[in-house]
Amino acid sequence: MKNKTNINEYHRLPILDGLELLNANSCTIDFPFHAHETFNISLILKNTFNTKLTDRNLQAPVGTICITNSNEIHATPCDKSIGNSFFTFYVSSDVIRELNKNQNVFFKDKIIYDQNIFNELYFLSLNFSNKNIRFENRLKSALTILISKHSTVKEISYNTNKLFQNFLDSTSFDTFSLSNTDSQFGINKYKFIRLFKQETGLTPNNFILLKKIEQSKAMLKNGNSIFNVAIDCGFYDSSHFYKNFKRFIGVNPLEFQNAFCSI
C-alpha cells in the first residue's frame, strides 16, 4: 500500500513560556532518537503509538496519554501503511515545575490511562485557537491534575559522566571526527561509539545532528532565511536540511517558522 501523505501542523502560542503544539495526522515518518527540553504530552488518536526509550519499547493504545520527560531520550516509529495520528503539547519544564509548587516533576509511567484528563486535553487540542474557552487556564488546570495524579518529585538522573559531559560541552562538532577520539580518550572509535551511546542514549552522529536541529530551530524562530540556516548549521543544502528537520520535528522548516511568524 502506498504511504499516505503526512498532514502535520505545528503551532506556537504566546502563553506558558511559548507553548508549542504538533497536530500529526496519519503520520508515517519515523522520529529518530532525540530529546526535547520540554515535556512532551501526546494524545493518541489513531493507531497504537510506539515509543522507544533507551531501555525499553512501549505501546500506547488509542485514547491514552503518552509522556516523555524533559531531556529524556526517545524515538517514535510510525506505522508505514495507515500512519499514526496524535496531538502533542510541548510544555516548558519551568511551567511544569511551577504547576507543581516549584518541585521537580518526573513521570515514571509513560503511558497514562485517565479518561477525564484525556477528554479535557483532547477538547483543548481542538479549540486552542478559540478565545472563548479560557484555554490557558483550562490547560493549566488539566496539567496540574495530571501532575498531581501521575507524577513524582523524584530527581531525574541521567548517566552522562563528568568526562563525557566535559567533552559534550567543549567539543566543536563542526570539526568532530571519530578517528580523532583515540587522542582525546585513549580508546578506539568503536569503543567510543559504544560508550557514547551508553552515556548519552544517542550515537555520536545522531547527537551531532540533533545539536544542529536545535540550533536551526533557534535561528528559524528569529526569522533567519531557511537557506542561511541550512548552511550555517552545517547541512549540505536546503533539501538535506528539510529532510532531516522533518524527521526530528514532524514538519518542515518553513511550516515550523510560519508557526512563530503568525503570532
Protein backbone atom coordinates (compact mmCIF):
# COMPACT_ATOMS: atom_id res chain seq x y z
CA MET A 1 0.00 0.00 0.00
CA LYS A 2 1.31 3.41 -0.87
CA ASN A 3 2.15 5.64 2.10
CA LYS A 4 -0.30 8.40 2.80
CA THR A 5 0.88 11.98 2.77
CA ASN A 6 1.77 13.26 6.22
CA ILE A 7 -0.54 16.10 7.18
CA ASN A 8 1.17 17.59 10.21
CA GLU A 9 0.59 21.07 11.62
CA TYR A 10 2.85 22.95 14.01
CA HIS A 11 1.59 25.80 16.18
CA ARG A 12 3.09 28.13 18.75
CA LEU A 13 1.02 30.10 21.25
CA PRO A 14 2.22 33.16 23.22
CA ILE A 15 1.33 31.55 26.57
CA LEU A 16 3.05 29.33 29.11
CA ASP A 17 6.57 30.32 28.04
CA GLY A 18 5.74 29.77 24.37
CA LEU A 19 3.57 26.65 24.24
CA GLU A 20 4.21 24.58 21.11
CA LEU A 21 1.76 22.12 19.58
CA LEU A 22 2.07 19.38 16.97
CA ASN A 23 -1.05 18.01 15.31
CA ALA A 24 0.07 14.85 13.49
CA ASN A 25 -2.49 13.32 11.16
CA SER A 26 -1.72 9.93 9.55
CA CYS A 27 1.99 10.43 10.17
CA THR A 28 4.14 7.75 8.52
CA ILE A 29 7.63 9.15 9.20
CA ASP A 30 9.84 7.77 11.97
CA PHE A 31 11.16 10.17 14.59
CA PRO A 32 14.74 9.03 15.39
CA PHE A 33 16.24 9.01 18.89
CA HIS A 34 16.26 12.56 20.20
CA ALA A 35 15.28 14.65 23.23
CA HIS A 36 13.44 17.90 23.98
CA GLU A 37 13.94 20.45 26.73
CA THR A 38 10.17 20.38 27.13
CA PHE A 39 7.81 17.74 28.48
CA ASN A 40 6.03 16.03 25.58
CA ILE A 41 2.40 15.21 26.37
CA SER A 42 0.83 13.32 23.47
CA LEU A 43 -2.80 12.31 22.98
CA ILE A 44 -3.01 9.07 20.99
CA LEU A 45 -5.81 9.48 18.43
CA LYS A 46 -5.41 6.77 15.78
CA ASN A 47 -3.48 3.51 15.76
CA THR A 48 -1.24 2.25 18.57
CA PHE A 49 1.58 4.68 19.29
CA ASN A 50 5.08 3.21 19.69
CA THR A 51 7.77 4.84 21.78
CA LYS A 52 11.34 3.60 22.13
CA LEU A 53 13.31 4.58 25.20
CA THR A 54 16.96 3.71 25.76
CA ASP A 55 15.98 0.69 27.88
CA ARG A 56 12.57 -0.43 26.61
CA ASN A 57 9.87 -0.23 23.95
CA LEU A 58 6.36 0.93 24.87
CA GLN A 59 2.99 0.84 23.13
CA ALA A 60 0.29 3.41 23.85
CA PRO A 61 -3.24 2.50 22.70
CA VAL A 62 -5.71 4.98 21.26
CA GLY A 63 -7.28 7.09 24.00
CA THR A 64 -4.20 7.20 26.22
CA ILE A 65 -1.70 9.92 27.06
CA CYS A 66 1.95 9.22 26.24
CA ILE A 67 4.53 11.32 28.09
CA THR A 68 8.26 11.83 27.78
CA ASN A 69 10.08 13.83 30.41
CA SER A 70 12.24 16.83 29.71
CA ASN A 71 15.58 15.79 28.13
CA GLU A 72 14.56 12.13 28.02
CA ILE A 73 15.94 10.25 25.01
CA HIS A 74 13.19 8.65 22.92
CA ALA A 75 12.25 7.65 19.38
CA THR A 76 8.86 7.25 17.72
CA PRO A 77 8.49 4.80 14.83
CA CYS A 78 5.21 5.36 12.97
CA ASP A 79 3.06 2.91 11.03
CA LYS A 80 4.15 2.93 7.38
CA SER A 81 0.78 1.97 5.89
CA ILE A 82 -2.01 3.82 7.70
CA GLY A 83 0.11 6.15 9.83
CA ASN A 84 -0.34 7.42 13.37
CA SER A 85 -2.43 10.36 14.48
CA PHE A 86 -1.57 12.14 17.71
CA PHE A 87 -1.57 15.61 19.23
CA THR A 88 1.42 16.74 21.29
CA PHE A 89 1.66 19.58 23.80
CA TYR A 90 5.31 20.66 24.21
CA VAL A 91 5.25 22.21 27.68
CA SER A 92 8.19 24.10 29.18
CA SER A 93 9.87 22.28 32.09
CA ASP A 94 9.72 25.57 34.05
CA VAL A 95 5.94 25.71 33.57
CA ILE A 96 5.54 22.09 34.67
CA ARG A 97 7.65 22.76 37.76
CA GLU A 98 5.65 25.90 38.63
CA LEU A 99 2.40 23.93 38.37
CA ASN A 100 3.89 21.51 40.91
CA LYS A 101 4.60 24.20 43.51
CA ASN A 102 8.19 24.58 42.23
CA GLN A 103 9.02 20.94 42.87
CA ASN A 104 10.66 18.59 40.35
CA VAL A 105 8.35 16.57 38.16
CA PHE A 106 9.08 13.10 36.79
CA PHE A 107 6.65 10.78 35.02
CA LYS A 108 7.75 7.21 35.72
CA ASP A 109 4.76 5.78 33.85
CA LYS A 110 4.97 6.98 30.26
CA ILE A 111 1.51 5.77 29.26
CA ILE A 112 -1.36 7.28 31.24
CA TYR A 113 -4.87 5.82 31.30
CA ASP A 114 -7.06 8.65 32.55
CA GLN A 115 -10.22 9.29 30.56
CA ASN A 116 -11.15 12.57 32.25
CA ILE A 117 -7.77 14.20 31.67
CA PHE A 118 -7.59 12.80 28.14
CA ASN A 119 -11.04 14.18 27.29
CA GLU A 120 -10.15 17.64 28.60
CA LEU A 121 -6.83 17.76 26.76
CA TYR A 122 -8.49 16.47 23.61
CA PHE A 123 -11.12 19.24 23.80
CA LEU A 124 -8.33 21.78 24.23
CA SER A 125 -6.42 20.32 21.28
CA LEU A 126 -9.45 21.01 19.09
CA ASN A 127 -10.04 24.51 20.43
CA PHE A 128 -6.62 26.05 21.12
CA SER A 129 -7.45 28.99 18.83
CA ASN A 130 -10.87 29.57 20.42
CA LYS A 131 -10.64 32.72 22.56
CA ASN A 132 -13.91 31.99 24.36
CA ILE A 133 -12.96 28.84 26.29
CA ARG A 134 -10.28 30.17 28.70
CA PHE A 135 -7.75 27.88 27.01
CA GLU A 136 -4.70 28.79 29.13
CA ASN A 137 -6.49 28.43 32.47
CA ARG A 138 -8.10 25.14 31.47
CA LEU A 139 -4.81 23.73 30.20
CA LYS A 140 -3.00 24.72 33.39
CA SER A 141 -5.77 23.08 35.42
CA ALA A 142 -5.61 19.85 33.38
CA LEU A 143 -1.81 19.73 33.62
CA THR A 144 -1.92 20.35 37.37
CA ILE A 145 -4.26 17.38 37.81
CA LEU A 146 -2.08 15.25 35.53
CA ILE A 147 0.99 16.11 37.58
CA SER A 148 -0.67 15.57 40.96
CA LYS A 149 -2.14 12.18 39.99
CA HIS A 150 0.53 10.63 37.84
CA SER A 151 3.97 12.11 38.58
CA THR A 152 6.58 12.02 41.30
CA VAL A 153 9.05 14.61 42.57
CA LYS A 154 11.94 12.20 42.06
CA GLU A 155 15.02 13.88 40.65
CA ILE A 156 15.64 12.83 37.06
CA SER A 157 19.05 11.19 36.82
CA TYR A 158 20.83 10.56 33.55
CA ASN A 159 24.02 8.57 33.14
CA THR A 160 26.28 11.08 31.42
CA ASN A 161 29.52 11.06 33.43
CA LYS A 162 31.72 14.06 34.02
CA LEU A 163 34.27 13.09 31.37
CA PHE A 164 31.63 12.84 28.65
CA GLN A 165 29.82 15.96 29.85
CA ASN A 166 33.03 17.99 29.59
CA PHE A 167 33.54 16.56 26.11
CA LEU A 168 29.99 17.45 25.04
CA ASP A 169 30.30 20.97 26.44
CA SER A 170 33.70 21.77 24.93
CA THR A 171 33.81 19.94 21.59
CA SER A 172 33.14 21.77 18.34
CA PHE A 173 31.02 19.30 16.44
CA ASP A 174 31.59 21.14 13.17
CA THR A 175 35.07 19.61 13.08
CA PHE A 176 34.39 16.47 15.14
CA SER A 177 35.93 13.26 13.79
CA LEU A 178 35.56 9.77 15.21
CA SER A 179 39.07 8.96 14.02
CA ASN A 180 40.47 11.54 16.49
CA THR A 181 38.76 10.11 19.55
CA ASP A 182 41.75 7.92 20.42
CA SER A 183 43.84 11.02 21.10
CA GLN A 184 41.11 12.52 23.32
CA PHE A 185 40.01 9.40 25.20
CA GLY A 186 42.74 6.84 24.59
CA ILE A 187 40.24 4.39 23.06
CA ASN A 188 39.43 3.36 19.51
CA LYS A 189 36.41 4.81 17.70
CA TYR A 190 34.31 1.65 18.02
CA LYS A 191 34.60 1.57 21.79
CA PHE A 192 33.98 5.31 21.84
CA ILE A 193 30.70 4.86 19.90
CA ARG A 194 29.57 2.18 22.34
CA LEU A 195 30.44 4.27 25.40
CA PHE A 196 28.95 7.42 23.88
CA LYS A 197 25.60 5.71 23.32
CA GLN A 198 25.75 4.16 26.78
CA GLU A 199 26.27 7.58 28.39
CA THR A 200 24.05 9.79 26.22
CA GLY A 201 21.48 7.40 24.71
CA LEU A 202 22.49 8.55 21.22
CA THR A 203 25.11 7.66 18.65
CA PRO A 204 27.66 10.45 18.01
CA ASN A 205 26.15 11.08 14.56
CA ASN A 206 22.61 11.39 15.93
CA PHE A 207 23.82 13.60 18.77
CA ILE A 208 25.56 15.95 16.34
CA LEU A 209 22.53 16.02 14.05
CA LEU A 210 20.23 16.78 16.99
CA LYS A 211 22.51 19.67 18.02
CA LYS A 212 22.26 21.05 14.50
CA ILE A 213 18.46 20.74 14.54
CA GLU A 214 18.24 22.57 17.87
CA GLN A 215 20.49 25.34 16.54
CA SER A 216 18.37 25.60 13.40
CA LYS A 217 15.15 25.87 15.44
CA ALA A 218 16.53 28.86 17.33
CA MET A 219 17.58 30.56 14.09
CA LEU A 220 14.22 29.89 12.43
CA LYS A 221 12.41 31.39 15.42
CA ASN A 222 14.48 34.54 14.95
CA GLY A 223 13.38 34.85 11.32
CA ASN A 224 16.57 33.79 9.54
CA SER A 225 16.18 32.59 5.96
CA ILE A 226 15.93 28.83 5.54
CA PHE A 227 18.86 28.75 3.12
CA ASN A 228 21.12 30.61 5.53
CA VAL A 229 20.00 28.41 8.43
CA ALA A 230 20.77 25.29 6.42
CA ILE A 231 24.28 26.44 5.54
CA ASP A 232 25.11 27.94 8.94
CA CYS A 233 24.02 24.75 10.72
CA GLY A 234 26.19 22.55 8.55
CA PHE A 235 23.69 20.93 6.18
CA TYR A 236 24.72 20.22 2.59
CA ASP A 237 21.84 22.20 1.11
CA SER A 238 18.20 23.15 1.72
CA SER A 239 16.94 19.74 0.61
CA HIS A 240 19.18 17.93 3.10
CA PHE A 241 18.05 20.36 5.80
CA TYR A 242 14.33 19.90 5.01
CA LYS A 243 14.61 16.12 5.11
CA ASN A 244 16.39 15.93 8.46
CA PHE A 245 14.41 18.71 10.12
CA LYS A 246 11.13 16.97 9.37
CA ARG A 247 12.49 13.65 10.70
CA PHE A 248 13.05 15.23 14.12
CA ILE A 249 10.29 17.86 14.34
CA GLY A 250 7.46 16.41 12.26
CA VAL A 251 7.05 19.41 9.95
CA ASN A 252 9.41 21.09 7.51
CA PRO A 253 11.42 24.23 8.41
CA LEU A 254 9.03 26.61 6.62
CA GLU A 255 5.98 25.21 8.42
CA PHE A 256 7.83 25.45 11.73
CA GLN A 257 8.93 29.03 11.07
CA ASN A 258 5.42 30.06 10.00
CA ALA A 259 4.09 28.94 13.38
CA PHE A 260 6.25 31.61 15.01
CA CYS A 261 5.69 34.33 12.43
CA SER A 262 1.90 34.02 12.63
CA ILE A 263 1.66 35.09 16.30
